Amino acid sequence: QVQLVESGGGLVQAGGSLRLSCVASGRTFSSYAMNWFRQAPGNEREFVATISWSGSNTYYTDSVKGRFTISRDNTKNTVYLQMNSLKPEDTAVYYCNSNPPGDADYWGQGTQVTVSS
């Protein structure tokens, strides 16, 4: 059974930092891009960041550029999202995702991030 399991969320004050982790099991994702999405209450799920299979290419939504960093450790089948200078508008459930070509669209269960002002 393929699983993506996120962790690292929590409650933090504005300006603080959190590091999210996503561990994959059941198959390897080391050959595929990995993504982070988030969904705030009442909003649609939105893209946050993506990283190529090798880690050499990354891309971020404008609102997190310069504050968030996506990285991966293929030896651990894990992708990370380092979030610095957090803002209340970053409050959301954060999801890990991978959609290998010709395969299913995999999602984790999400981890709650709450930023207080």
PDB file of N, CA and C in Angstrom:
ATOM      1  N   GLN A   1       0.848  -1.195   0.000  1.00  0.00           N
ATOM      2  CA  GLN A   1       0.000   0.000   0.000  1.00  0.00           C
ATOM      3  C   GLN A   1       0.886   1.248   0.000  1.00  0.00           C
ATOM      4  N   VAL A   2       0.624   2.124  -0.933  1.00  0.00           N
ATOM      5  CA  VAL A   2       1.408   3.347  -1.033  1.00  0.00           C
ATOM      6  C   VAL A   2       0.861   4.380  -0.063  1.00  0.00           C
ATOM      7  N   GLN A   3       1.752   4.985   0.691  1.00  0.00           N
ATOM      8  CA  GLN A   3       1.342   6.019   1.631  1.00  0.00           C
ATOM      9  C   GLN A   3       2.312   7.191   1.602  1.00  0.00           C
ATOM     10  N   LEU A   4       1.745   8.373   1.736  1.00  0.00           N
ATOM     11  CA  LEU A   4       2.523   9.585   1.986  1.00  0.00           C
ATOM     12  C   LEU A   4       2.061  10.097   3.342  1.00  0.00           C
ATOM     13  N   VAL A   5       2.992  10.259   4.261  1.00  0.00           N
ATOM     14  CA  VAL A   5       2.636  10.658   5.618  1.00  0.00           C
ATOM     15  C   VAL A   5       3.370  11.940   5.981  1.00  0.00           C
ATOM     16  N   GLU A   6       2.590  13.000   6.192  1.00  0.00           N
ATOM     17  CA  GLU A   6       3.168  14.285   6.567  1.00  0.00           C
ATOM     18  C   GLU A   6       3.269  14.416   8.075  1.00  0.00           C
ATOM     19  N   SER A   7       4.216  15.219   8.511  1.00  0.00           N
ATOM     20  CA  SER A   7       4.363  15.541   9.922  1.00  0.00           C
ATOM     21  C   SER A   7       5.070  16.879  10.046  1.00  0.00           C
ATOM     22  N   GLY A   8       5.079  17.427  11.262  1.00  0.00           N
ATOM     23  CA  GLY A   8       5.813  18.657  11.516  1.00  0.00           C
ATOM     24  C   GLY A   8       4.957  19.896  11.652  1.00  0.00           C
ATOM     25  N   GLY A   9       3.656  19.773  11.410  1.00  0.00           N
ATOM     26  CA  GLY A   9       2.788  20.919  11.557  1.00  0.00           C
ATOM     27  C   GLY A   9       2.619  21.297  13.023  1.00  0.00           C
ATOM     28  N   GLY A  10       1.951  22.420  13.244  1.00  0.00           N
ATOM     29  CA  GLY A  10       1.714  22.863  14.604  1.00  0.00           C
ATOM     30  C   GLY A  10       1.292  24.312  14.658  1.00  0.00           C
ATOM     31  N   LEU A  11       1.318  24.857  15.870  1.00  0.00           N
ATOM     32  CA  LEU A  11       0.953  26.251  16.117  1.00  0.00           C
ATOM     33  C   LEU A  11       2.227  27.052  16.338  1.00  0.00           C
ATOM     34  N   VAL A  12       2.352  28.145  15.615  1.00  0.00           N
ATOM     35  CA  VAL A  12       3.548  28.978  15.719  1.00  0.00           C
ATOM     36  C   VAL A  12       3.140  30.431  15.601  1.00  0.00           C
ATOM     37  N   GLN A  13       3.900  31.306  16.231  1.00  0.00           N
ATOM     38  CA  GLN A  13       3.627  32.736  16.118  1.00  0.00           C
ATOM     39  C   GLN A  13       4.136  33.276  14.787  1.00  0.00           C
ATOM     40  N   ALA A  14       3.541  34.344  14.356  1.00  0.00           N
ATOM     41  CA  ALA A  14       3.991  34.992  13.125  1.00  0.00           C
ATOM     42  C   ALA A  14       5.480  35.311  13.233  1.00  0.00           C
ATOM     43  N   GLY A  15       6.192  35.057  12.147  1.00  0.00           N
ATOM     44  CA  GLY A  15       7.632  35.235  12.131  1.00  0.00           C
ATOM     45  C   GLY A  15       8.408  33.991  12.486  1.00  0.00           C
ATOM     46  N   GLY A  16       7.720  32.986  12.967  1.00  0.00           N
ATOM     47  CA  GLY A  16       8.368  31.740  13.356  1.00  0.00           C
ATOM     48  C   GLY A  16       8.605  30.807  12.195  1.00  0.00           C
ATOM     49  N   SER A  17       9.103  29.618  12.531  1.00  0.00           N
ATOM     50  CA  SER A  17       9.466  28.631  11.514  1.00  0.00           C
ATOM     51  C   SER A  17       8.904  27.258  11.867  1.00  0.00           C
ATOM     52  N   LEU A  18       8.673  26.493  10.851  1.00  0.00           N
ATOM     53  CA  LEU A  18       8.314  25.083  10.978  1.00  0.00           C
ATOM     54  C   LEU A  18       8.974  24.321   9.840  1.00  0.00           C
ATOM     55  N   ARG A  19       9.245  23.037  10.085  1.00  0.00           N
ATOM     56  CA  ARG A  19       9.756  22.165   9.040  1.00  0.00           C
ATOM     57  C   ARG A  19       8.818  20.982   8.892  1.00  0.00           C
ATOM     58  N   LEU A  20       8.212  20.876   7.727  1.00  0.00           N
ATOM     59  CA  LEU A  20       7.332  19.756   7.435  1.00  0.00           C
ATOM     60  C   LEU A  20       8.124  18.631   6.776  1.00  0.00           C
ATOM     61  N   SER A  21       7.708  17.408   7.067  1.00  0.00           N
ATOM     62  CA  SER A  21       8.303  16.233   6.441  1.00  0.00           C
ATOM     63  C   SER A  21       7.203  15.398   5.810  1.00  0.00           C
ATOM     64  N   CYS A  22       7.551  14.710   4.755  1.00  0.00           N
ATOM     65  CA  CYS A  22       6.638  13.786   4.104  1.00  0.00           C
ATOM     66  C   CYS A  22       7.426  12.520   3.776  1.00  0.00           C
ATOM     67  N   VAL A  23       7.037  11.435   4.415  1.00  0.00           N
ATOM     68  CA  VAL A  23       7.706  10.153   4.202  1.00  0.00           C
ATOM     69  C   VAL A  23       6.830   9.270   3.332  1.00  0.00           C
ATOM     70  N   ALA A  24       7.418   8.749   2.285  1.00  0.00           N
ATOM     71  CA  ALA A  24       6.703   7.864   1.373  1.00  0.00           C
ATOM     72  C   ALA A  24       7.029   6.417   1.692  1.00  0.00           C
ATOM     73  N   SER A  25       6.018   5.576   1.582  1.00  0.00           N
ATOM     74  CA  SER A  25       6.230   4.149   1.774  1.00  0.00           C
ATOM     75  C   SER A  25       5.382   3.391   0.772  1.00  0.00           C
ATOM     76  N   GLY A  26       5.743   2.157   0.521  1.00  0.00           N
ATOM     77  CA  GLY A  26       4.992   1.325  -0.404  1.00  0.00           C
ATOM     78  C   GLY A  26       5.513   1.364  -1.822  1.00  0.00           C
ATOM     79  N   ARG A  27       6.236   2.409  -2.166  1.00  0.00           N
ATOM     80  CA  ARG A  27       6.918   2.511  -3.448  1.00  0.00           C
ATOM     81  C   ARG A  27       7.919   3.646  -3.325  1.00  0.00           C
ATOM     82  N   THR A  28       8.827   3.681  -4.254  1.00  0.00           N
ATOM     83  CA  THR A  28       9.794   4.759  -4.232  1.00  0.00           C
ATOM     84  C   THR A  28       9.342   5.883  -5.147  1.00  0.00           C
ATOM     85  N   PHE A  29       9.565   7.100  -4.711  1.00  0.00           N
ATOM     86  CA  PHE A  29       9.259   8.278  -5.518  1.00  0.00           C
ATOM     87  C   PHE A  29      10.534   9.007  -5.939  1.00  0.00           C
ATOM     88  N   SER A  30      11.664   8.334  -5.783  1.00  0.00           N
ATOM     89  CA  SER A  30      12.939   9.001  -6.022  1.00  0.00           C
ATOM     90  C   SER A  30      13.141   9.402  -7.479  1.00  0.00           C
ATOM     91  N   SER A  31      12.346   8.837  -8.386  1.00  0.00           N
ATOM     92  CA  SER A  31      12.474   9.178  -9.807  1.00  0.00           C
ATOM     93  C   SER A  31      11.467  10.227 -10.253  1.00  0.00           C
ATOM     94  N   TYR A  32      10.697  10.769  -9.325  1.00  0.00           N
ATOM     95  CA  TYR A  32       9.589  11.657  -9.684  1.00  0.00           C
ATOM     96  C   TYR A  32       9.598  12.938  -8.864  1.00  0.00           C
ATOM     97  N   ALA A  33       9.003  13.952  -9.459  1.00  0.00           N
ATOM     98  CA  ALA A  33       8.833  15.205  -8.732  1.00  0.00           C
ATOM     99  C   ALA A  33       7.910  14.991  -7.532  1.00  0.00           C
ATOM    100  N   MET A  34       8.151  15.794  -6.506  1.00  0.00           N
ATOM    101  CA  MET A  34       7.305  15.789  -5.330  1.00  0.00           C
ATOM    102  C   MET A  34       6.803  17.212  -5.107  1.00  0.00           C
ATOM    103  N   ASN A  35       5.612  17.319  -4.558  1.00  0.00           N
ATOM    104  CA  ASN A  35       4.962  18.619  -4.428  1.00  0.00           C
ATOM    105  C   ASN A  35       4.402  18.825  -3.034  1.00  0.00           C
ATOM    106  N   TRP A  36       4.282  20.092  -2.671  1.00  0.00           N
ATOM    107  CA  TRP A  36       3.511  20.480  -1.493  1.00  0.00           C
ATOM    108  C   TRP A  36       2.355  21.369  -1.946  1.00  0.00           C
ATOM    109  N   PHE A  37       1.185  21.086  -1.393  1.00  0.00           N
ATOM    110  CA  PHE A  37       0.002  21.911  -1.591  1.00  0.00           C
ATOM    111  C   PHE A  37      -0.511  22.323  -0.216  1.00  0.00           C
ATOM    112  N   ARG A  38      -1.427  23.280  -0.186  1.00  0.00           N
ATOM    113  CA  ARG A  38      -2.065  23.654   1.074  1.00  0.00           C
ATOM    114  C   ARG A  38      -3.509  24.051   0.812  1.00  0.00           C
ATOM    115  N   GLN A  39      -4.320  23.918   1.866  1.00  0.00           N
ATOM    116  CA  GLN A  39      -5.723  24.291   1.765  1.00  0.00           C
ATOM    117  C   GLN A  39      -6.151  24.974   3.047  1.00  0.00           C
ATOM    118  N   ALA A  40      -6.532  26.236   2.920  1.00  0.00           N
ATOM    119  CA  ALA A  40      -7.047  27.001   4.044  1.00  0.00           C
ATOM    120  C   ALA A  40      -8.556  26.837   4.110  1.00  0.00           C
ATOM    121  N   PRO A  41      -9.155  27.029   5.279  1.00  0.00           N
ATOM    122  CA  PRO A  41     -10.610  26.881   5.412  1.00  0.00           C
ATOM    123  C   PRO A  41     -11.351  27.772   4.420  1.00  0.00           C
ATOM    124  N   GLY A  42     -12.295  27.152   3.712  1.00  0.00           N
ATOM    125  CA  GLY A  42     -13.101  27.898   2.758  1.00  0.00           C
ATOM    126  C   GLY A  42     -12.440  28.145   1.422  1.00  0.00           C
ATOM    127  N   ASN A  43     -11.188  27.702   1.294  1.00  0.00           N
ATOM    128  CA  ASN A  43     -10.456  27.914   0.043  1.00  0.00           C
ATOM    129  C   ASN A  43     -10.196  26.594  -0.670  1.00  0.00           C
ATOM    130  N   GLU A  44      -9.886  26.706  -1.949  1.00  0.00           N
ATOM    131  CA  GLU A  44      -9.489  25.525  -2.691  1.00  0.00           C
ATOM    132  C   GLU A  44      -8.025  25.185  -2.371  1.00  0.00           C
ATOM    133  N   ARG A  45      -7.687  23.936  -2.613  1.00  0.00           N
ATOM    134  CA  ARG A  45      -6.296  23.506  -2.420  1.00  0.00           C
ATOM    135  C   ARG A  45      -5.421  24.230  -3.432  1.00  0.00           C
ATOM    136  N   GLU A  46      -4.294  24.751  -2.959  1.00  0.00           N
ATOM    137  CA  GLU A  46      -3.420  25.502  -3.843  1.00  0.00           C
ATOM    138  C   GLU A  46      -2.003  24.937  -3.810  1.00  0.00           C
ATOM    139  N   PHE A  47      -1.326  25.087  -4.923  1.00  0.00           N
ATOM    140  CA  PHE A  47       0.057  24.646  -5.068  1.00  0.00           C
ATOM    141  C   PHE A  47       0.969  25.541  -4.230  1.00  0.00           C
ATOM    142  N   VAL A  48       1.976  24.922  -3.593  1.00  0.00           N
ATOM    143  CA  VAL A  48       2.942  25.670  -2.806  1.00  0.00           C
ATOM    144  C   VAL A  48       4.349  25.566  -3.412  1.00  0.00           C
ATOM    145  N   ALA A  49       4.811  24.336  -3.629  1.00  0.00           N
ATOM    146  CA  ALA A  49       6.186  24.159  -4.100  1.00  0.00           C
ATOM    147  C   ALA A  49       6.333  22.792  -4.745  1.00  0.00           C
ATOM    148  N   THR A  50       7.322  22.680  -5.637  1.00  0.00           N
ATOM    149  CA  THR A  50       7.641  21.414  -6.255  1.00  0.00           C
ATOM    150  C   THR A  50       9.154  21.248  -6.344  1.00  0.00           C
ATOM    151  N   ILE A  51       9.589  19.998  -6.366  1.00  0.00           N
ATOM    152  CA  ILE A  51      11.010  19.700  -6.479  1.00  0.00           C
ATOM    153  C   ILE A  51      11.176  18.545  -7.449  1.00  0.00           C
ATOM    154  N   SER A  52      12.172  18.653  -8.320  1.00  0.00           N
ATOM    155  CA  SER A  52      12.436  17.606  -9.295  1.00  0.00           C
ATOM    156  C   SER A  52      12.988  16.364  -8.612  1.00  0.00           C
ATOM    157  N   TRP A  53      13.061  15.273  -9.379  1.00  0.00           N
ATOM    158  CA  TRP A  53      13.476  14.010  -8.781  1.00  0.00           C
ATOM    159  C   TRP A  53      14.872  14.088  -8.184  1.00  0.00           C
ATOM    160  N   SER A  54      15.737  14.855  -8.799  1.00  0.00           N
ATOM    161  CA  SER A  54      17.116  14.947  -8.317  1.00  0.00           C
ATOM    162  C   SER A  54      17.287  16.005  -7.244  1.00  0.00           C
ATOM    163  N   GLY A  55      16.301  16.881  -7.128  1.00  0.00           N
ATOM    164  CA  GLY A  55      16.418  17.993  -6.192  1.00  0.00           C
ATOM    165  C   GLY A  55      17.068  19.221  -6.787  1.00  0.00           C
ATOM    166  N   SER A  56      17.461  19.138  -8.046  1.00  0.00           N
ATOM    167  CA  SER A  56      18.206  20.244  -8.643  1.00  0.00           C
ATOM    168  C   SER A  56      17.313  21.383  -9.110  1.00  0.00           C
ATOM    169  N   ASN A  57      16.032  21.079  -9.277  1.00  0.00           N
ATOM    170  CA  ASN A  57      15.088  22.109  -9.725  1.00  0.00           C
ATOM    171  C   ASN A  57      13.949  22.233  -8.734  1.00  0.00           C
ATOM    172  N   THR A  58      13.644  23.483  -8.376  1.00  0.00           N
ATOM    173  CA  THR A  58      12.536  23.765  -7.480  1.00  0.00           C
ATOM    174  C   THR A  58      11.732  24.938  -8.031  1.00  0.00           C
ATOM    175  N   TYR A  59      10.491  25.008  -7.606  1.00  0.00           N
ATOM    176  CA  TYR A  59       9.616  26.101  -8.039  1.00  0.00           C
ATOM    177  C   TYR A  59       8.614  26.369  -6.928  1.00  0.00           C
ATOM    178  N   TYR A  60       8.309  27.650  -6.713  1.00  0.00           N
ATOM    179  CA  TYR A  60       7.438  28.052  -5.622  1.00  0.00           C
ATOM    180  C   TYR A  60       6.346  28.982  -6.110  1.00  0.00           C
ATOM    181  N   THR A  61       5.222  28.938  -5.436  1.00  0.00           N
ATOM    182  CA  THR A  61       4.218  29.948  -5.674  1.00  0.00           C
ATOM    183  C   THR A  61       4.752  31.283  -5.153  1.00  0.00           C
ATOM    184  N   ASP A  62       4.319  32.368  -5.756  1.00  0.00           N
ATOM    185  CA  ASP A  62       4.901  33.683  -5.449  1.00  0.00           C
ATOM    186  C   ASP A  62       4.810  34.044  -3.973  1.00  0.00           C
ATOM    187  N   SER A  63       3.728  33.655  -3.329  1.00  0.00           N
ATOM    188  CA  SER A  63       3.496  34.109  -1.953  1.00  0.00           C
ATOM    189  C   SER A  63       4.474  33.510  -0.944  1.00  0.00           C
ATOM    190  N   VAL A  64       5.202  32.455  -1.325  1.00  0.00           N
ATOM    191  CA  VAL A  64       6.129  31.828  -0.380  1.00  0.00           C
ATOM    192  C   VAL A  64       7.585  31.954  -0.816  1.00  0.00           C
ATOM    193  N   LYS A  65       7.828  32.515  -1.980  1.00  0.00           N
ATOM    194  CA  LYS A  65       9.208  32.649  -2.463  1.00  0.00           C
ATOM    195  C   LYS A  65      10.043  33.457  -1.476  1.00  0.00           C
ATOM    196  N   GLY A  66      11.239  32.943  -1.209  1.00  0.00           N
ATOM    197  CA  GLY A  66      12.131  33.611  -0.275  1.00  0.00           C
ATOM    198  C   GLY A  66      11.889  33.248   1.170  1.00  0.00           C
ATOM    199  N   ARG A  67      10.786  32.576   1.462  1.00  0.00           N
ATOM    200  CA  ARG A  67      10.469  32.176   2.845  1.00  0.00           C
ATOM    201  C   ARG A  67      10.461  30.660   3.017  1.00  0.00           C
ATOM    202  N   PHE A  68      10.007  29.938   2.012  1.00  0.00           N
ATOM    203  CA  PHE A  68       9.901  28.480   2.082  1.00  0.00           C
ATOM    204  C   PHE A  68      10.985  27.841   1.221  1.00  0.00           C
ATOM    205  N   THR A  69      11.452  26.675   1.664  1.00  0.00           N
ATOM    206  CA  THR A  69      12.424  25.908   0.903  1.00  0.00           C
ATOM    207  C   THR A  69      12.018  24.449   0.878  1.00  0.00           C
ATOM    208  N   ILE A  70      11.883  23.915  -0.327  1.00  0.00           N
ATOM    209  CA  ILE A  70      11.565  22.498  -0.490  1.00  0.00           C
ATOM    210  C   ILE A  70      12.869  21.748  -0.745  1.00  0.00           C
ATOM    211  N   SER A  71      12.976  20.560  -0.161  1.00  0.00           N
ATOM    212  CA  SER A  71      14.164  19.733  -0.361  1.00  0.00           C
ATOM    213  C   SER A  71      13.743  18.272  -0.250  1.00  0.00           C
ATOM    214  N   ARG A  72      14.678  17.383  -0.595  1.00  0.00           N
ATOM    215  CA  ARG A  72      14.336  15.962  -0.526  1.00  0.00           C
ATOM    216  C   ARG A  72      15.574  15.149  -0.208  1.00  0.00           C
ATOM    217  N   ASP A  73      15.329  13.982   0.376  1.00  0.00           N
ATOM    218  CA  ASP A  73      16.376  13.003   0.638  1.00  0.00           C
ATOM    219  C   ASP A  73      15.875  11.689   0.066  1.00  0.00           C
ATOM    220  N   ASN A  74      16.344  11.352  -1.113  1.00  0.00           N
ATOM    221  CA  ASN A  74      15.857  10.146  -1.790  1.00  0.00           C
ATOM    222  C   ASN A  74      16.292   8.865  -1.082  1.00  0.00           C
ATOM    223  N   THR A  75      17.332   8.933  -0.296  1.00  0.00           N
ATOM    224  CA  THR A  75      17.747   7.743   0.449  1.00  0.00           C
ATOM    225  C   THR A  75      16.746   7.414   1.550  1.00  0.00           C
ATOM    226  N   LYS A  76      15.986   8.438   1.958  1.00  0.00           N
ATOM    227  CA  LYS A  76      14.972   8.251   3.002  1.00  0.00           C
ATOM    228  C   LYS A  76      13.557   8.328   2.457  1.00  0.00           C
ATOM    229  N   ASN A  77      13.442   8.479   1.129  1.00  0.00           N
ATOM    230  CA  ASN A  77      12.121   8.599   0.498  1.00  0.00           C
ATOM    231  C   ASN A  77      11.300   9.696   1.180  1.00  0.00           C
ATOM    232  N   THR A  78      11.945  10.813   1.438  1.00  0.00           N
ATOM    233  CA  THR A  78      11.357  11.895   2.222  1.00  0.00           C
ATOM    234  C   THR A  78      11.532  13.230   1.512  1.00  0.00           C
ATOM    235  N   VAL A  79      10.494  14.053   1.585  1.00  0.00           N
ATOM    236  CA  VAL A  79      10.554  15.419   1.084  1.00  0.00           C
ATOM    237  C   VAL A  79      10.236  16.349   2.247  1.00  0.00           C
ATOM    238  N   TYR A  80      10.872  17.518   2.241  1.00  0.00           N
ATOM    239  CA  TYR A  80      10.734  18.465   3.330  1.00  0.00           C
ATOM    240  C   TYR A  80      10.228  19.810   2.819  1.00  0.00           C
ATOM    241  N   LEU A  81       9.624  20.570   3.723  1.00  0.00           N
ATOM    242  CA  LEU A  81       9.270  21.949   3.430  1.00  0.00           C
ATOM    243  C   LEU A  81       9.673  22.781   4.648  1.00  0.00           C
ATOM    244  N   GLN A  82      10.760  23.533   4.499  1.00  0.00           N
ATOM    245  CA  GLN A  82      11.200  24.442   5.546  1.00  0.00           C
ATOM    246  C   GLN A  82      10.468  25.756   5.360  1.00  0.00           C
ATOM    247  N   MET A  83       9.754  26.168   6.392  1.00  0.00           N
ATOM    248  CA  MET A  83       8.921  27.373   6.309  1.00  0.00           C
ATOM    249  C   MET A  83       9.427  28.381   7.336  1.00  0.00           C
ATOM    250  N   ASN A  84       9.922  29.499   6.841  1.00  0.00           N
ATOM    251  CA  ASN A  84      10.429  30.565   7.698  1.00  0.00           C
ATOM    252  C   ASN A  84       9.572  31.820   7.541  1.00  0.00           C
ATOM    253  N   SER A  85       9.728  32.737   8.473  1.00  0.00           N
ATOM    254  CA  SER A  85       8.990  34.006   8.430  1.00  0.00           C
ATOM    255  C   SER A  85       7.509  33.773   8.182  1.00  0.00           C
ATOM    256  N   LEU A  86       6.945  32.854   8.925  1.00  0.00           N
ATOM    257  CA  LEU A  86       5.547  32.480   8.703  1.00  0.00           C
ATOM    258  C   LEU A  86       4.606  33.631   8.992  1.00  0.00           C
ATOM    259  N   LYS A  87       3.530  33.667   8.226  1.00  0.00           N
ATOM    260  CA  LYS A  87       2.505  34.697   8.329  1.00  0.00           C
ATOM    261  C   LYS A  87       1.165  34.039   8.645  1.00  0.00           C
ATOM    262  N   PRO A  88       0.244  34.779   9.235  1.00  0.00           N
ATOM    263  CA  PRO A  88      -1.082  34.196   9.504  1.00  0.00           C
ATOM    264  C   PRO A  88      -1.744  33.641   8.247  1.00  0.00           C
ATOM    265  N   GLU A  89      -1.492  34.255   7.103  1.00  0.00           N
ATOM    266  CA  GLU A  89      -2.104  33.772   5.861  1.00  0.00           C
ATOM    267  C   GLU A  89      -1.508  32.453   5.382  1.00  0.00           C
ATOM    268  N   ASP A  90      -0.451  31.975   6.034  1.00  0.00           N
ATOM    269  CA  ASP A  90       0.085  30.651   5.729  1.00  0.00           C
ATOM    270  C   ASP A  90      -0.689  29.545   6.451  1.00  0.00           C
ATOM    271  N   THR A  91      -1.598  29.918   7.320  1.00  0.00           N
ATOM    272  CA  THR A  91      -2.404  28.932   8.042  1.00  0.00           C
ATOM    273  C   THR A  91      -3.207  28.079   7.072  1.00  0.00           C
ATOM    274  N   ALA A  92      -3.028  26.772   7.163  1.00  0.00           N
ATOM    275  CA  ALA A  92      -3.683  25.842   6.243  1.00  0.00           C
ATOM    276  C   ALA A  92      -3.308  24.413   6.629  1.00  0.00           C
ATOM    277  N   VAL A  93      -3.988  23.481   6.005  1.00  0.00           N
ATOM    278  CA  VAL A  93      -3.551  22.088   6.042  1.00  0.00           C
ATOM    279  C   VAL A  93      -2.600  21.899   4.856  1.00  0.00           C
ATOM    280  N   TYR A  94      -1.424  21.371   5.135  1.00  0.00           N
ATOM    281  CA  TYR A  94      -0.397  21.181   4.111  1.00  0.00           C
ATOM    282  C   TYR A  94      -0.360  19.713   3.697  1.00  0.00           C
ATOM    283  N   TYR A  95      -0.352  19.498   2.381  1.00  0.00           N
ATOM    284  CA  TYR A  95      -0.400  18.154   1.824  1.00  0.00           C
ATOM    285  C   TYR A  95       0.823  17.879   0.958  1.00  0.00           C
ATOM    286  N   CYS A  96       1.315  16.669   1.075  1.00  0.00           N
ATOM    287  CA  CYS A  96       2.374  16.167   0.209  1.00  0.00           C
ATOM    288  C   CYS A  96       1.720  15.444  -0.975  1.00  0.00           C
ATOM    289  N   ASN A  97       2.344  15.539  -2.141  1.00  0.00           N
ATOM    290  CA  ASN A  97       1.732  14.970  -3.348  1.00  0.00           C
ATOM    291  C   ASN A  97       2.796  14.495  -4.317  1.00  0.00           C
ATOM    292  N   SER A  98       2.473  13.417  -5.025  1.00  0.00           N
ATOM    293  CA  SER A  98       3.269  13.012  -6.177  1.00  0.00           C
ATOM    294  C   SER A  98       2.339  12.386  -7.204  1.00  0.00           C
ATOM    295  N   ASN A  99       2.602  12.660  -8.452  1.00  0.00           N
ATOM    296  CA  ASN A  99       1.754  12.171  -9.534  1.00  0.00           C
ATOM    297  C   ASN A  99       2.640  11.606 -10.634  1.00  0.00           C
ATOM    298  N   PRO A 100       3.259  10.436 -10.395  1.00  0.00           N
ATOM    299  CA  PRO A 100       4.128   9.854 -11.420  1.00  0.00           C
ATOM    300  C   PRO A 100       3.364   9.580 -12.707  1.00  0.00           C
ATOM    301  N   PRO A 101       3.970   9.828 -13.846  1.00  0.00           N
ATOM    302  CA  PRO A 101       3.287   9.584 -15.123  1.00  0.00           C
ATOM    303  C   PRO A 101       2.777   8.165 -15.221  1.00  0.00           C
ATOM    304  N   GLY A 102       1.522   8.026 -15.638  1.00  0.00           N
ATOM    305  CA  GLY A 102       0.943   6.704 -15.803  1.00  0.00           C
ATOM    306  C   GLY A 102       0.577   6.018 -14.506  1.00  0.00           C
ATOM    307  N   ASP A 103       0.686   6.731 -13.427  1.00  0.00           N
ATOM    308  CA  ASP A 103       0.395   6.154 -12.113  1.00  0.00           C
ATOM    309  C   ASP A 103      -0.684   6.984 -11.434  1.00  0.00           C
ATOM    310  N   ALA A 104      -1.018   6.608 -10.223  1.00  0.00           N
ATOM    311  CA  ALA A 104      -2.044   7.329  -9.480  1.00  0.00           C
ATOM    312  C   ALA A 104      -1.532   8.690  -9.021  1.00  0.00           C
ATOM    313  N   ASP A 105      -2.467   9.523  -8.592  1.00  0.00           N
ATOM    314  CA  ASP A 105      -2.163  10.817  -7.997  1.00  0.00           C
ATOM    315  C   ASP A 105      -2.180  10.611  -6.487  1.00  0.00           C
ATOM    316  N   TYR A 106      -0.996  10.595  -5.889  1.00  0.00           N
ATOM    317  CA  TYR A 106      -0.876  10.246  -4.484  1.00  0.00           C
ATOM    318  C   TYR A 106      -0.902  11.485  -3.591  1.00  0.00           C
ATOM    319  N   TRP A 107      -1.651  11.372  -2.485  1.00  0.00           N
ATOM    320  CA  TRP A 107      -1.761  12.457  -1.510  1.00  0.00           C
ATOM    321  C   TRP A 107      -1.585  11.911  -0.103  1.00  0.00           C
ATOM    322  N   GLY A 108      -1.011  12.732   0.750  1.00  0.00           N
ATOM    323  CA  GLY A 108      -0.972  12.405   2.159  1.00  0.00           C
ATOM    324  C   GLY A 108      -2.246  12.868   2.840  1.00  0.00           C
ATOM    325  N   GLN A 109      -2.323  12.640   4.141  1.00  0.00           N
ATOM    326  CA  GLN A 109      -3.517  13.000   4.904  1.00  0.00           C
ATOM    327  C   GLN A 109      -3.500  14.460   5.346  1.00  0.00           C
ATOM    328  N   GLY A 110      -2.332  15.091   5.233  1.00  0.00           N
ATOM    329  CA  GLY A 110      -2.224  16.498   5.584  1.00  0.00           C
ATOM    330  C   GLY A 110      -1.743  16.729   6.999  1.00  0.00           C
ATOM    331  N   THR A 111      -1.122  17.883   7.197  1.00  0.00           N
ATOM    332  CA  THR A 111      -0.687  18.301   8.528  1.00  0.00           C
ATOM    333  C   THR A 111      -1.073  19.770   8.716  1.00  0.00           C
ATOM    334  N   GLN A 112      -1.660  20.071   9.858  1.00  0.00           N
ATOM    335  CA  GLN A 112      -2.190  21.412  10.113  1.00  0.00           C
ATOM    336  C   GLN A 112      -1.075  22.361  10.526  1.00  0.00           C
ATOM    337  N   VAL A 113      -1.040  23.505   9.869  1.00  0.00           N
ATOM    338  CA  VAL A 113      -0.135  24.597  10.246  1.00  0.00           C
ATOM    339  C   VAL A 113      -0.994  25.797  10.616  1.00  0.00           C
ATOM    340  N   THR A 114      -0.812  26.295  11.826  1.00  0.00           N
ATOM    341  CA  THR A 114      -1.559  27.447  12.291  1.00  0.00           C
ATOM    342  C   THR A 114      -0.574  28.525  12.736  1.00  0.00           C
ATOM    343  N   VAL A 115      -0.701  29.705  12.150  1.00  0.00           N
ATOM    344  CA  VAL A 115       0.193  30.816  12.466  1.00  0.00           C
ATOM    345  C   VAL A 115      -0.634  31.901  13.147  1.00  0.00           C
ATOM    346  N   SER A 116      -0.283  32.208  14.385  1.00  0.00           N
ATOM    347  CA  SER A 116      -1.016  33.223  15.129  1.00  0.00           C
ATOM    348  C   SER A 116      -0.360  34.586  14.941  1.00  0.00           C
ATOM    349  N   SER A 117      -1.195  35.611  14.993  1.00  0.00           N
ATOM    350  CA  SER A 117      -0.680  36.973  14.790  1.00  0.00           C
ATOM    351  C   SER A 117      -0.263  37.603  16.098  1.00  0.00           C
TER     352      SER A 117
END
